[in-house]
Each structure stands twice: as C-alpha cells, then as structure tokens.
C-alpha cells in the first residue's frame, strides 16, 4: 500500500473519532454544568477542557471570557479551531475523498452524507437550539462510519490503518476525559497523589459519575461489572483497566498493538515494542498501584506515550515525517 493512501485512511478514521469524542466531552460538561449547585463555578470545567485539549491559547485569541456558550461555539463549529467538530468531519470527508478508490461505495457515501448533513444541521441552528441532540447525531454518524467500515471493508492494510487511527484517538480522548473529571478544583476534585487522599478528596456524587459513564457509553456496562453504587475508584478502574470495556485504555491499546502488528515493516520493531509494553502494563496493572503514583501523573504519562506512538507510526508508515495534525 502507498504510504500516502495509508496516511489518508489513518486520518480519515482518526478525525471522525475525534469529532465523536469532542461531542462526548462537550456533552459531559454541559450536563455537569446544569447539575452544578448554586455558588459553584461551572466555567472552570470549560476551562479545564480547553487546557486538556491544548486549545486554551487559540480560544483566548478569539474570546475574552471562558463560558459555556463561547466554548461550545469554539468546539462545535469554529473554522479556526482544527479540532472543532465541524473541522474534524470536514477533514474526515476530505481524507476519504482522497482515497475514494480504496473505500467501498457504502463507506464513501457514509462520510460524504455525514458532511452534507452536518452543513444542513448547522444552517438550521440545531447546535444552538438543542446541543444535546446535535451531540447525539455526531456520535451516531461516528458509530455508523465504524460499522460500515467493519461490515464492508476487506481486513487488509487499508482496514488496519483506519483502525489504528480510531483506537489511538480513542485512547487519547478517554485519558483526557478521565483527567478532566478527576481534576476540577472548584468541584472538590483536587487530584490526589495517594489512595487515601483520593478517598478524602473526591465527592461521592452519583449524578456526576453517572454522567461521566454515560458520556463514554459505559453506564450499563458499569452496572454489569460492579453491580453496586458508583464510586470514582471503580469508574477509573473500568475506564483504565477493564479489557472488556470498548473505550477503556486497555481495550484501546489491545487494538493498537494488534493492528500495528498486522502492518509491521522492517523499521517498526521499536514502535511495536513500545505499544506492546504499554498494553502489557495496562493488562497486568492494578488500580491501587496507579493511585500510589497519582492518577494525574499516570494519565499524563499515558498521553505522552500515546502521542509518541502516533508520531512514530506517522513517521515509519505514513509520510516519513513527524505528525503535525
């Protein structure tokens, strides 16, 4: 396969996954802000999201104040923000168009129709009138594109590069969603450095953690795995270490390692080793050990390693240059 074709397939899938995860983060923040008690400072949640997405500087170049309305507009349809839902779905469609011959007709039509319908929804103002409904639409179109990919594409290198993009992006975003929800000082989520500090600092707010679980389609799965009340520790365990949970860090890294091994070449051995090592640490890891070193420290390290893998994959398989997306 030509490296340019693999590059387009990789970013096609990665951008649509990024759009979905951006919708999930925005939806979580919106629901949580609506449940915030009087006297709290919900705008800190929006500021935390900008920080974790590394977009705060770009945001302040256009907006003086961090507010739900400004952040929603910036993250949904701002053309200057390449990580906005609008820009992600546009980039996904453009990458799909560039490799139209490598896709099935059904998959191309899914990407193309998503782009056309997005513009119609934005013109109609759905994102302003009913943002929750808009987020559900974004998630549905992402689910549909993955389903059509799995259901119609050969399991060849084209398929594997698309899956690599999907799960690298998903791992990155799951880690960011976790870090954002465990690190909000105004809500009492001062990040603990030990297990005992975690017990004292994190609130036992059912609605907050239920909202987080729903944001990653994990509420019902949590009930099946634990069958007890929702606690921050179990939420973290499910989304980090549970191999059966589709959006957990462990499940994402299992897919990254597997798909990477399927497209391995002569210079990718070190990248495979790093992916395998990270997957093994999650497969055999324990939550108490993670909490001993600090959840924020763990997630920061994970994000750095995911970004390193993405850069190495981009260099070794796609363009011969380090990623700039």
C-alpha atoms as a PDB file:
ATOM      1  CA  UNK A   1       0.000   0.000   0.000  1.00  0.00           C
ATOM      2  CA  UNK A   2       1.217   3.517  -0.827  1.00  0.00           C
ATOM      3  CA  UNK A   3       2.135   5.462   2.278  1.00  0.00           C
ATOM      4  CA  UNK A   4       0.004   8.407   1.125  1.00  0.00           C
ATOM      5  CA  UNK A   5      -3.054   6.143   0.913  1.00  0.00           C
ATOM      6  CA  UNK A   6      -2.367   4.736   4.373  1.00  0.00           C
ATOM      7  CA  UNK A   7      -1.976   8.298   5.667  1.00  0.00           C
ATOM      8  CA  UNK A   8      -5.388   9.358   4.368  1.00  0.00           C
ATOM      9  CA  UNK A   9      -7.091   6.251   5.763  1.00  0.00           C
ATOM     10  CA  UNK A  10      -5.435   6.695   9.150  1.00  0.00           C
ATOM     11  CA  UNK A  11      -6.507  10.342   9.458  1.00  0.00           C
ATOM     12  CA  UNK A  12      -9.942   9.716   7.950  1.00  0.00           C
ATOM     13  CA  UNK A  13     -10.755   7.391  10.838  1.00  0.00           C
ATOM     14  CA  UNK A  14      -8.900   9.445  13.419  1.00  0.00           C
ATOM     15  CA  UNK A  15     -10.757  12.657  12.608  1.00  0.00           C
ATOM     16  CA  UNK A  16     -14.212  11.108  12.797  1.00  0.00           C
ATOM     17  CA  UNK A  17     -13.282   9.532  16.146  1.00  0.00           C
ATOM     18  CA  UNK A  18     -12.023  12.932  17.322  1.00  0.00           C
ATOM     19  CA  UNK A  19     -15.326  14.544  16.353  1.00  0.00           C
ATOM     20  CA  UNK A  20     -17.203  11.929  18.370  1.00  0.00           C
ATOM     21  CA  UNK A  21     -15.001  12.307  21.404  1.00  0.00           C
ATOM     22  CA  UNK A  22     -15.225  16.092  21.275  1.00  0.00           C
ATOM     23  CA  UNK A  23     -19.018  15.704  21.273  1.00  0.00           C
ATOM     24  CA  UNK A  24     -18.735  13.375  24.270  1.00  0.00           C
ATOM     25  CA  UNK A  25     -16.580  15.815  26.260  1.00  0.00           C
ATOM     26  CA  UNK A  26     -18.871  18.744  25.463  1.00  0.00           C
ATOM     27  CA  UNK A  27     -21.964  16.750  26.368  1.00  0.00           C
ATOM     28  CA  UNK A  28     -20.437  15.689  29.701  1.00  0.00           C
ATOM     29  CA  UNK A  29     -19.506  19.266  30.559  1.00  0.00           C
ATOM     30  CA  UNK A  30     -22.907  20.574  29.549  1.00  0.00           C
ATOM     31  CA  UNK A  31     -24.759  18.020  31.669  1.00  0.00           C
ATOM     32  CA  UNK A  32     -22.442  18.527  34.649  1.00  0.00           C
ATOM     33  CA  UNK A  33     -22.746  22.315  34.482  1.00  0.00           C
ATOM     34  CA  UNK A  34     -26.539  22.016  34.532  1.00  0.00           C
ATOM     35  CA  UNK A  35     -26.277  19.933  37.715  1.00  0.00           C
ATOM     36  CA  UNK A  36     -23.807  22.256  39.443  1.00  0.00           C
ATOM     37  CA  UNK A  37     -25.093  23.633  42.755  1.00  0.00           C
ATOM     38  CA  UNK A  38     -25.559  27.336  43.339  1.00  0.00           C
ATOM     39  CA  UNK A  39     -22.285  29.013  44.226  1.00  0.00           C
ATOM     40  CA  UNK A  40     -20.141  26.631  42.230  1.00  0.00           C
ATOM     41  CA  UNK A  41     -18.081  27.762  39.274  1.00  0.00           C
ATOM     42  CA  UNK A  42     -19.041  25.619  36.271  1.00  0.00           C
ATOM     43  CA  UNK A  43     -16.915  27.746  33.937  1.00  0.00           C
ATOM     44  CA  UNK A  44     -13.869  26.057  35.457  1.00  0.00           C
ATOM     45  CA  UNK A  45     -14.993  22.826  33.796  1.00  0.00           C
ATOM     46  CA  UNK A  46     -14.923  24.515  30.398  1.00  0.00           C
ATOM     47  CA  UNK A  47     -11.510  25.985  31.153  1.00  0.00           C
ATOM     48  CA  UNK A  48     -10.246  22.554  32.195  1.00  0.00           C
ATOM     49  CA  UNK A  49     -11.477  21.085  28.915  1.00  0.00           C
ATOM     50  CA  UNK A  50      -9.607  23.735  26.919  1.00  0.00           C
ATOM     51  CA  UNK A  51      -6.460  23.046  28.926  1.00  0.00           C
ATOM     52  CA  UNK A  52      -6.624  19.290  28.421  1.00  0.00           C
ATOM     53  CA  UNK A  53      -7.343  19.746  24.712  1.00  0.00           C
ATOM     54  CA  UNK A  54      -4.364  22.138  24.498  1.00  0.00           C
ATOM     55  CA  UNK A  55      -6.584  24.782  22.906  1.00  0.00           C
ATOM     56  CA  UNK A  56      -6.700  27.477  25.569  1.00  0.00           C
ATOM     57  CA  UNK A  57      -4.317  29.858  23.778  1.00  0.00           C
ATOM     58  CA  UNK A  58      -6.209  29.559  20.499  1.00  0.00           C
ATOM     59  CA  UNK A  59      -9.524  30.045  22.310  1.00  0.00           C
ATOM     60  CA  UNK A  60      -8.380  33.253  24.021  1.00  0.00           C
ATOM     61  CA  UNK A  61      -7.226  34.644  20.696  1.00  0.00           C
ATOM     62  CA  UNK A  62     -10.915  34.855  19.803  1.00  0.00           C
ATOM     63  CA  UNK A  63     -12.747  35.038  23.135  1.00  0.00           C
ATOM     64  CA  UNK A  64     -12.010  37.056  26.263  1.00  0.00           C
ATOM     65  CA  UNK A  65     -14.222  35.041  28.596  1.00  0.00           C
ATOM     66  CA  UNK A  66     -14.456  31.299  29.177  1.00  0.00           C
ATOM     67  CA  UNK A  67     -18.153  30.453  29.212  1.00  0.00           C
ATOM     68  CA  UNK A  68     -20.258  27.523  28.131  1.00  0.00           C
ATOM     69  CA  UNK A  69     -21.626  29.411  25.130  1.00  0.00           C
ATOM     70  CA  UNK A  70     -18.190  30.536  23.910  1.00  0.00           C
ATOM     71  CA  UNK A  71     -16.575  27.128  24.373  1.00  0.00           C
ATOM     72  CA  UNK A  72     -19.472  25.287  22.738  1.00  0.00           C
ATOM     73  CA  UNK A  73     -19.291  27.562  19.707  1.00  0.00           C
ATOM     74  CA  UNK A  74     -15.497  27.240  19.560  1.00  0.00           C
ATOM     75  CA  UNK A  75     -15.529  23.445  19.837  1.00  0.00           C
ATOM     76  CA  UNK A  76     -18.542  22.781  17.621  1.00  0.00           C
ATOM     77  CA  UNK A  77     -18.277  24.989  14.544  1.00  0.00           C
ATOM     78  CA  UNK A  78     -15.311  27.383  14.710  1.00  0.00           C
ATOM     79  CA  UNK A  79     -13.365  27.031  11.446  1.00  0.00           C
ATOM     80  CA  UNK A  80     -10.193  28.423  13.041  1.00  0.00           C
ATOM     81  CA  UNK A  81     -10.145  25.502  15.510  1.00  0.00           C
ATOM     82  CA  UNK A  82      -8.993  22.451  13.564  1.00  0.00           C
ATOM     83  CA  UNK A  83     -10.222  20.236  16.419  1.00  0.00           C
ATOM     84  CA  UNK A  84     -13.785  21.548  16.259  1.00  0.00           C
ATOM     85  CA  UNK A  85     -16.468  19.059  15.267  1.00  0.00           C
ATOM     86  CA  UNK A  86     -17.009  20.943  12.004  1.00  0.00           C
ATOM     87  CA  UNK A  87     -13.323  20.867  11.046  1.00  0.00           C
ATOM     88  CA  UNK A  88     -12.898  17.224  12.090  1.00  0.00           C
ATOM     89  CA  UNK A  89     -15.806  15.997   9.980  1.00  0.00           C
ATOM     90  CA  UNK A  90     -14.655  18.140   7.075  1.00  0.00           C
ATOM     91  CA  UNK A  91     -11.144  16.685   7.329  1.00  0.00           C
ATOM     92  CA  UNK A  92     -12.517  13.145   7.633  1.00  0.00           C
ATOM     93  CA  UNK A  93     -14.545  13.605   4.445  1.00  0.00           C
ATOM     94  CA  UNK A  94     -11.613  15.175   2.559  1.00  0.00           C
ATOM     95  CA  UNK A  95      -9.302  12.317   3.530  1.00  0.00           C
ATOM     96  CA  UNK A  96     -11.963   9.827   2.438  1.00  0.00           C
ATOM     97  CA  UNK A  97     -12.375  11.629  -0.891  1.00  0.00           C
ATOM     98  CA  UNK A  98      -8.616  11.479  -1.482  1.00  0.00           C
ATOM     99  CA  UNK A  99      -8.681   7.658  -1.288  1.00  0.00           C
ATOM    100  CA  UNK A 100     -12.147   7.120  -2.747  1.00  0.00           C
ATOM    101  CA  UNK A 101     -10.859   4.137  -4.752  1.00  0.00           C
ATOM    102  CA  UNK A 102      -9.661   2.347  -1.616  1.00  0.00           C
ATOM    103  CA  UNK A 103     -13.075   2.569   0.071  1.00  0.00           C
ATOM    104  CA  UNK A 104     -16.271   0.651  -0.526  1.00  0.00           C
ATOM    105  CA  UNK A 105     -19.134   2.640  -2.029  1.00  0.00           C
ATOM    106  CA  UNK A 106     -21.082   2.335   1.234  1.00  0.00           C
ATOM    107  CA  UNK A 107     -18.230   3.754   3.299  1.00  0.00           C
ATOM    108  CA  UNK A 108     -17.604   6.711   0.994  1.00  0.00           C
ATOM    109  CA  UNK A 109     -21.309   7.542   0.925  1.00  0.00           C
ATOM    110  CA  UNK A 110     -21.404   7.445   4.730  1.00  0.00           C
ATOM    111  CA  UNK A 111     -18.591  10.000   5.036  1.00  0.00           C
ATOM    112  CA  UNK A 112     -19.952  12.171   2.252  1.00  0.00           C
ATOM    113  CA  UNK A 113     -23.519  12.219   3.575  1.00  0.00           C
ATOM    114  CA  UNK A 114     -22.272  12.997   7.101  1.00  0.00           C
ATOM    115  CA  UNK A 115     -20.551  16.100   5.754  1.00  0.00           C
ATOM    116  CA  UNK A 116     -23.591  17.229   3.758  1.00  0.00           C
ATOM    117  CA  UNK A 117     -25.974  16.660   6.663  1.00  0.00           C
ATOM    118  CA  UNK A 118     -23.633  18.466   9.084  1.00  0.00           C
ATOM    119  CA  UNK A 119     -23.842  21.626   6.993  1.00  0.00           C
ATOM    120  CA  UNK A 120     -27.633  21.353   6.853  1.00  0.00           C
ATOM    121  CA  UNK A 121     -27.847  20.955  10.652  1.00  0.00           C
ATOM    122  CA  UNK A 122     -25.549  23.916  11.284  1.00  0.00           C
ATOM    123  CA  UNK A 123     -27.544  26.084   8.862  1.00  0.00           C
ATOM    124  CA  UNK A 124     -30.680  25.097  10.753  1.00  0.00           C
ATOM    125  CA  UNK A 125     -29.038  26.036  14.077  1.00  0.00           C
ATOM    126  CA  UNK A 126     -29.534  22.668  15.765  1.00  0.00           C
ATOM    127  CA  UNK A 127     -26.206  23.028  17.610  1.00  0.00           C
ATOM    128  CA  UNK A 128     -27.565  26.172  19.307  1.00  0.00           C
ATOM    129  CA  UNK A 129     -31.195  25.155  19.798  1.00  0.00           C
ATOM    130  CA  UNK A 130     -30.547  21.601  21.014  1.00  0.00           C
ATOM    131  CA  UNK A 131     -26.831  20.897  21.583  1.00  0.00           C
ATOM    132  CA  UNK A 132     -27.551  17.542  23.227  1.00  0.00           C
ATOM    133  CA  UNK A 133     -29.425  16.399  20.132  1.00  0.00           C
ATOM    134  CA  UNK A 134     -26.543  17.620  17.957  1.00  0.00           C
ATOM    135  CA  UNK A 135     -24.013  15.665  20.032  1.00  0.00           C
ATOM    136  CA  UNK A 136     -26.115  12.515  19.686  1.00  0.00           C
ATOM    137  CA  UNK A 137     -26.141  12.991  15.923  1.00  0.00           C
ATOM    138  CA  UNK A 138     -22.336  13.306  15.852  1.00  0.00           C
ATOM    139  CA  UNK A 139     -21.952  10.123  17.909  1.00  0.00           C
ATOM    140  CA  UNK A 140     -24.427   8.249  15.711  1.00  0.00           C
ATOM    141  CA  UNK A 141     -22.615   9.216  12.497  1.00  0.00           C
ATOM    142  CA  UNK A 142     -19.311   8.110  14.013  1.00  0.00           C
ATOM    143  CA  UNK A 143     -20.833   4.776  15.079  1.00  0.00           C
ATOM    144  CA  UNK A 144     -22.263   4.367  11.586  1.00  0.00           C
ATOM    145  CA  UNK A 145     -18.949   5.021   9.842  1.00  0.00           C
ATOM    146  CA  UNK A 146     -17.166   2.450  12.020  1.00  0.00           C
ATOM    147  CA  UNK A 147     -19.923  -0.100  11.465  1.00  0.00           C
ATOM    148  CA  UNK A 148     -19.815   0.350   7.695  1.00  0.00           C
ATOM    149  CA  UNK A 149     -16.013   0.102   7.767  1.00  0.00           C
ATOM    150  CA  UNK A 150     -16.145  -3.192   9.670  1.00  0.00           C
ATOM    151  CA  UNK A 151     -19.070  -4.550   7.694  1.00  0.00           C
ATOM    152  CA  UNK A 152     -17.904  -3.779   4.158  1.00  0.00           C
ATOM    153  CA  UNK A 153     -14.099  -3.411   4.011  1.00  0.00           C
ATOM    154  CA  UNK A 154     -11.614  -6.202   3.494  1.00  0.00           C
ATOM    155  CA  UNK A 155      -9.485  -6.823   6.581  1.00  0.00           C
ATOM    156  CA  UNK A 156      -6.405  -5.725   4.668  1.00  0.00           C
ATOM    157  CA  UNK A 157      -3.853  -2.999   5.313  1.00  0.00           C
ATOM    158  CA  UNK A 158      -6.349  -0.253   4.463  1.00  0.00           C
ATOM    159  CA  UNK A 159      -8.659  -1.554   7.175  1.00  0.00           C
ATOM    160  CA  UNK A 160      -5.803  -1.870   9.672  1.00  0.00           C
ATOM    161  CA  UNK A 161      -4.569   1.701   9.209  1.00  0.00           C
ATOM    162  CA  UNK A 162      -8.095   3.035   9.672  1.00  0.00           C
ATOM    163  CA  UNK A 163      -8.429   1.025  12.880  1.00  0.00           C
ATOM    164  CA  UNK A 164      -5.057   2.249  14.121  1.00  0.00           C
ATOM    165  CA  UNK A 165      -6.254   5.840  13.743  1.00  0.00           C
ATOM    166  CA  UNK A 166      -9.509   5.066  15.511  1.00  0.00           C
ATOM    167  CA  UNK A 167      -8.011   3.485  18.620  1.00  0.00           C
ATOM    168  CA  UNK A 168      -5.070   5.840  19.049  1.00  0.00           C
ATOM    169  CA  UNK A 169      -7.524   8.747  19.011  1.00  0.00           C
ATOM    170  CA  UNK A 170      -9.946   6.969  21.342  1.00  0.00           C
ATOM    171  CA  UNK A 171      -7.213   6.150  23.867  1.00  0.00           C
ATOM    172  CA  UNK A 172      -6.065   9.764  23.857  1.00  0.00           C
ATOM    173  CA  UNK A 173      -9.573  11.092  24.411  1.00  0.00           C
ATOM    174  CA  UNK A 174     -10.576   8.580  27.098  1.00  0.00           C
ATOM    175  CA  UNK A 175      -7.498   9.615  29.068  1.00  0.00           C
ATOM    176  CA  UNK A 176      -8.367  13.298  28.637  1.00  0.00           C
ATOM    177  CA  UNK A 177     -11.982  12.801  29.720  1.00  0.00           C
ATOM    178  CA  UNK A 178     -10.805  10.958  32.834  1.00  0.00           C
ATOM    179  CA  UNK A 179      -8.211  13.574  33.692  1.00  0.00           C
ATOM    180  CA  UNK A 180     -10.693  16.409  33.224  1.00  0.00           C
ATOM    181  CA  UNK A 181     -13.290  14.827  35.519  1.00  0.00           C
ATOM    182  CA  UNK A 182     -10.801  13.948  38.277  1.00  0.00           C
ATOM    183  CA  UNK A 183      -9.087  17.335  38.293  1.00  0.00           C
ATOM    184  CA  UNK A 184     -11.669  20.051  38.870  1.00  0.00           C
ATOM    185  CA  UNK A 185     -10.689  22.085  41.954  1.00  0.00           C
ATOM    186  CA  UNK A 186     -13.962  24.015  42.299  1.00  0.00           C
ATOM    187  CA  UNK A 187     -15.900  20.757  42.408  1.00  0.00           C
ATOM    188  CA  UNK A 188     -13.633  19.269  45.050  1.00  0.00           C
ATOM    189  CA  UNK A 189     -11.816  17.006  42.616  1.00  0.00           C
ATOM    190  CA  UNK A 190      -8.373  18.046  43.780  1.00  0.00           C
ATOM    191  CA  UNK A 191      -6.169  15.377  42.357  1.00  0.00           C
ATOM    192  CA  UNK A 192      -4.807  13.011  44.956  1.00  0.00           C
ATOM    193  CA  UNK A 193      -1.340  11.590  44.965  1.00  0.00           C
ATOM    194  CA  UNK A 194      -2.199   8.597  47.133  1.00  0.00           C
ATOM    195  CA  UNK A 195      -5.125   6.216  47.519  1.00  0.00           C
ATOM    196  CA  UNK A 196      -6.038   7.600  50.948  1.00  0.00           C
ATOM    197  CA  UNK A 197      -6.046  11.187  49.669  1.00  0.00           C
ATOM    198  CA  UNK A 198      -8.301  10.110  46.818  1.00  0.00           C
ATOM    199  CA  UNK A 199     -10.789   8.744  49.349  1.00  0.00           C
ATOM    200  CA  UNK A 200     -10.898  12.102  51.129  1.00  0.00           C
ATOM    201  CA  UNK A 201     -10.900  14.441  48.142  1.00  0.00           C
ATOM    202  CA  UNK A 202     -13.291  13.018  45.569  1.00  0.00           C
ATOM    203  CA  UNK A 203     -17.014  13.584  46.074  1.00  0.00           C
ATOM    204  CA  UNK A 204     -19.412  10.679  46.025  1.00  0.00           C
ATOM    205  CA  UNK A 205     -21.722  12.477  43.610  1.00  0.00           C
ATOM    206  CA  UNK A 206     -23.784   9.821  41.846  1.00  0.00           C
ATOM    207  CA  UNK A 207     -25.032  12.166  39.148  1.00  0.00           C
ATOM    208  CA  UNK A 208     -21.574  13.435  38.241  1.00  0.00           C
ATOM    209  CA  UNK A 209     -20.053   9.973  37.836  1.00  0.00           C
ATOM    210  CA  UNK A 210     -23.177   8.622  36.134  1.00  0.00           C
ATOM    211  CA  UNK A 211     -22.886  11.485  33.640  1.00  0.00           C
ATOM    212  CA  UNK A 212     -19.235  10.645  33.041  1.00  0.00           C
ATOM    213  CA  UNK A 213     -20.066   6.984  32.450  1.00  0.00           C
ATOM    214  CA  UNK A 214     -22.853   7.859  30.037  1.00  0.00           C
ATOM    215  CA  UNK A 215     -20.500  10.180  28.157  1.00  0.00           C
ATOM    216  CA  UNK A 216     -18.370   7.158  27.226  1.00  0.00           C
ATOM    217  CA  UNK A 217     -21.322   4.754  26.805  1.00  0.00           C
ATOM    218  CA  UNK A 218     -20.312   2.881  29.949  1.00  0.00           C
ATOM    219  CA  UNK A 219     -23.197   3.321  32.404  1.00  0.00           C
ATOM    220  CA  UNK A 220     -24.884  -0.031  31.698  1.00  0.00           C
ATOM    221  CA  UNK A 221     -21.522  -1.763  31.449  1.00  0.00           C
ATOM    222  CA  UNK A 222     -20.540  -0.402  34.866  1.00  0.00           C
ATOM    223  CA  UNK A 223     -23.685  -1.919  36.364  1.00  0.00           C
ATOM    224  CA  UNK A 224     -22.911  -5.293  34.805  1.00  0.00           C
ATOM    225  CA  UNK A 225     -19.317  -5.328  36.051  1.00  0.00           C
ATOM    226  CA  UNK A 226     -19.768  -3.981  39.602  1.00  0.00           C
ATOM    227  CA  UNK A 227     -23.498  -4.275  40.459  1.00  0.00           C
ATOM    228  CA  UNK A 228     -23.036  -1.753  43.275  1.00  0.00           C
ATOM    229  CA  UNK A 229     -23.053   2.009  43.764  1.00  0.00           C
ATOM    230  CA  UNK A 230     -20.944   4.216  41.529  1.00  0.00           C
ATOM    231  CA  UNK A 231     -17.630   5.285  43.068  1.00  0.00           C
ATOM    232  CA  UNK A 232     -14.767   7.292  41.497  1.00  0.00           C
ATOM    233  CA  UNK A 233     -12.311   4.420  42.034  1.00  0.00           C
ATOM    234  CA  UNK A 234     -14.436   1.905  40.166  1.00  0.00           C
ATOM    235  CA  UNK A 235     -15.109   4.373  37.354  1.00  0.00           C
ATOM    236  CA  UNK A 236     -11.354   4.826  36.956  1.00  0.00           C
ATOM    237  CA  UNK A 237     -10.758   1.073  37.069  1.00  0.00           C
ATOM    238  CA  UNK A 238     -13.413   0.412  34.415  1.00  0.00           C
ATOM    239  CA  UNK A 239     -12.112   3.051  32.022  1.00  0.00           C
ATOM    240  CA  UNK A 240      -8.438   2.254  32.505  1.00  0.00           C
ATOM    241  CA  UNK A 241      -8.008  -1.453  33.207  1.00  0.00           C
ATOM    242  CA  UNK A 242     -11.139  -3.308  32.071  1.00  0.00           C
ATOM    243  CA  UNK A 243     -10.286  -5.165  28.865  1.00  0.00           C
ATOM    244  CA  UNK A 244     -13.941  -5.851  28.063  1.00  0.00           C
ATOM    245  CA  UNK A 245     -14.910  -2.166  28.120  1.00  0.00           C
ATOM    246  CA  UNK A 246     -14.635  -0.909  24.484  1.00  0.00           C
ATOM    247  CA  UNK A 247     -13.461   2.602  25.367  1.00  0.00           C
ATOM    248  CA  UNK A 248     -11.054   1.671  28.184  1.00  0.00           C
ATOM    249  CA  UNK A 249      -7.366   2.438  27.826  1.00  0.00           C
ATOM    250  CA  UNK A 250      -6.549  -1.266  27.989  1.00  0.00           C
ATOM    251  CA  UNK A 251      -9.027  -2.192  25.234  1.00  0.00           C
ATOM    252  CA  UNK A 252      -7.759   0.615  23.018  1.00  0.00           C
ATOM    253  CA  UNK A 253      -4.142  -0.452  23.444  1.00  0.00           C
ATOM    254  CA  UNK A 254      -5.026  -4.085  22.672  1.00  0.00           C
ATOM    255  CA  UNK A 255      -6.424  -2.895  19.326  1.00  0.00           C
ATOM    256  CA  UNK A 256      -3.456  -0.602  18.667  1.00  0.00           C
ATOM    257  CA  UNK A 257      -0.984  -3.415  19.307  1.00  0.00           C
ATOM    258  CA  UNK A 258      -2.936  -5.935  17.204  1.00  0.00           C
ATOM    259  CA  UNK A 259      -3.397  -3.659  14.189  1.00  0.00           C
ATOM    260  CA  UNK A 260       0.176  -2.418  14.407  1.00  0.00           C
ATOM    261  CA  UNK A 261       1.450  -5.995  14.258  1.00  0.00           C
ATOM    262  CA  UNK A 262      -0.630  -6.619  11.125  1.00  0.00           C
ATOM    263  CA  UNK A 263       1.061  -3.763   9.224  1.00  0.00           C
ATOM    264  CA  UNK A 264       4.556  -4.166  10.694  1.00  0.00           C
ATOM    265  CA  UNK A 265       7.502  -3.328   8.458  1.00  0.00           C
ATOM    266  CA  UNK A 266      11.270  -3.526   8.713  1.00  0.00           C
ATOM    267  CA  UNK A 267      11.690  -0.394  10.818  1.00  0.00           C
ATOM    268  CA  UNK A 268       8.678  -0.636  13.132  1.00  0.00           C
ATOM    269  CA  UNK A 269      10.052  -3.065  15.723  1.00  0.00           C
ATOM    270  CA  UNK A 270      10.676  -0.398  18.366  1.00  0.00           C
ATOM    271  CA  UNK A 271       7.210   1.066  17.869  1.00  0.00           C
ATOM    272  CA  UNK A 272       5.689  -2.400  18.257  1.00  0.00           C
ATOM    273  CA  UNK A 273       7.716  -2.927  21.424  1.00  0.00           C
ATOM    274  CA  UNK A 274       6.510   0.341  22.954  1.00  0.00           C
ATOM    275  CA  UNK A 275       2.888  -0.394  22.081  1.00  0.00           C
ATOM    276  CA  UNK A 276       3.189  -3.918  23.491  1.00  0.00           C
ATOM    277  CA  UNK A 277       4.821  -2.663  26.678  1.00  0.00           C
ATOM    278  CA  UNK A 278       2.073  -0.095  27.283  1.00  0.00           C
ATOM    279  CA  UNK A 279      -0.617  -2.692  26.626  1.00  0.00           C
ATOM    280  CA  UNK A 280       1.063  -5.174  28.995  1.00  0.00           C
ATOM    281  CA  UNK A 281       1.245  -2.568  31.774  1.00  0.00           C
ATOM    282  CA  UNK A 282      -2.492  -1.994  31.448  1.00  0.00           C
ATOM    283  CA  UNK A 283      -3.299  -5.690  31.101  1.00  0.00           C
ATOM    284  CA  UNK A 284      -1.473  -6.625  34.298  1.00  0.00           C
ATOM    285  CA  UNK A 285      -1.877  -3.296  36.115  1.00  0.00           C
ATOM    286  CA  UNK A 286      -3.709  -2.685  39.387  1.00  0.00           C
ATOM    287  CA  UNK A 287      -5.634   0.434  40.315  1.00  0.00           C
ATOM    288  CA  UNK A 288      -4.017   0.719  43.769  1.00  0.00           C
ATOM    289  CA  UNK A 289      -0.585   0.907  42.119  1.00  0.00           C
ATOM    290  CA  UNK A 290      -1.812   3.620  39.758  1.00  0.00           C
ATOM    291  CA  UNK A 291      -3.220   5.628  42.661  1.00  0.00           C
ATOM    292  CA  UNK A 292       0.035   5.329  44.593  1.00  0.00           C
ATOM    293  CA  UNK A 293       1.815   7.265  41.869  1.00  0.00           C
ATOM    294  CA  UNK A 294      -1.124   9.646  41.337  1.00  0.00           C
ATOM    295  CA  UNK A 295      -3.888   9.372  38.761  1.00  0.00           C
ATOM    296  CA  UNK A 296      -2.982  12.650  37.075  1.00  0.00           C
ATOM    297  CA  UNK A 297       0.655  11.573  36.776  1.00  0.00           C
ATOM    298  CA  UNK A 298      -0.408   8.241  35.308  1.00  0.00           C
ATOM    299  CA  UNK A 299      -2.734   9.822  32.743  1.00  0.00           C
ATOM    300  CA  UNK A 300      -0.185  12.474  31.785  1.00  0.00           C
ATOM    301  CA  UNK A 301       2.420   9.779  31.186  1.00  0.00           C
ATOM    302  CA  UNK A 302      -0.098   7.730  29.193  1.00  0.00           C
ATOM    303  CA  UNK A 303      -0.919  10.694  26.947  1.00  0.00           C
ATOM    304  CA  UNK A 304       2.763  11.342  26.316  1.00  0.00           C
ATOM    305  CA  UNK A 305       3.291   7.712  25.325  1.00  0.00           C
ATOM    306  CA  UNK A 306       0.229   7.687  23.068  1.00  0.00           C
ATOM    307  CA  UNK A 307       1.464  10.832  21.320  1.00  0.00           C
ATOM    308  CA  UNK A 308       4.882   9.226  20.921  1.00  0.00           C
ATOM    309  CA  UNK A 309       3.294   6.163  19.303  1.00  0.00           C
ATOM    310  CA  UNK A 310       1.270   8.348  16.966  1.00  0.00           C
ATOM    311  CA  UNK A 311       4.355  10.280  15.924  1.00  0.00           C
ATOM    312  CA  UNK A 312       6.356   7.090  15.338  1.00  0.00           C
ATOM    313  CA  UNK A 313       3.548   5.491  13.313  1.00  0.00           C
ATOM    314  CA  UNK A 314       3.249   8.624  11.202  1.00  0.00           C
ATOM    315  CA  UNK A 315       6.992   8.658  10.555  1.00  0.00           C
ATOM    316  CA  UNK A 316       7.541   4.941   9.965  1.00  0.00           C
ATOM    317  CA  UNK A 317       4.436   4.060   7.959  1.00  0.00           C
ATOM    318  CA  UNK A 318       2.735   7.108   6.528  1.00  0.00           C
ATOM    319  CA  UNK A 319       4.835  10.027   5.286  1.00  0.00           C
ATOM    320  CA  UNK A 320       8.359   9.676   6.628  1.00  0.00           C
ATOM    321  CA  UNK A 321       7.754  12.909   8.559  1.00  0.00           C
ATOM    322  CA  UNK A 322       6.661  13.506  12.136  1.00  0.00           C
ATOM    323  CA  UNK A 323       2.931  14.169  12.554  1.00  0.00           C
ATOM    324  CA  UNK A 324       1.703  17.769  12.575  1.00  0.00           C
ATOM    325  CA  UNK A 325      -2.079  17.166  12.681  1.00  0.00           C
END
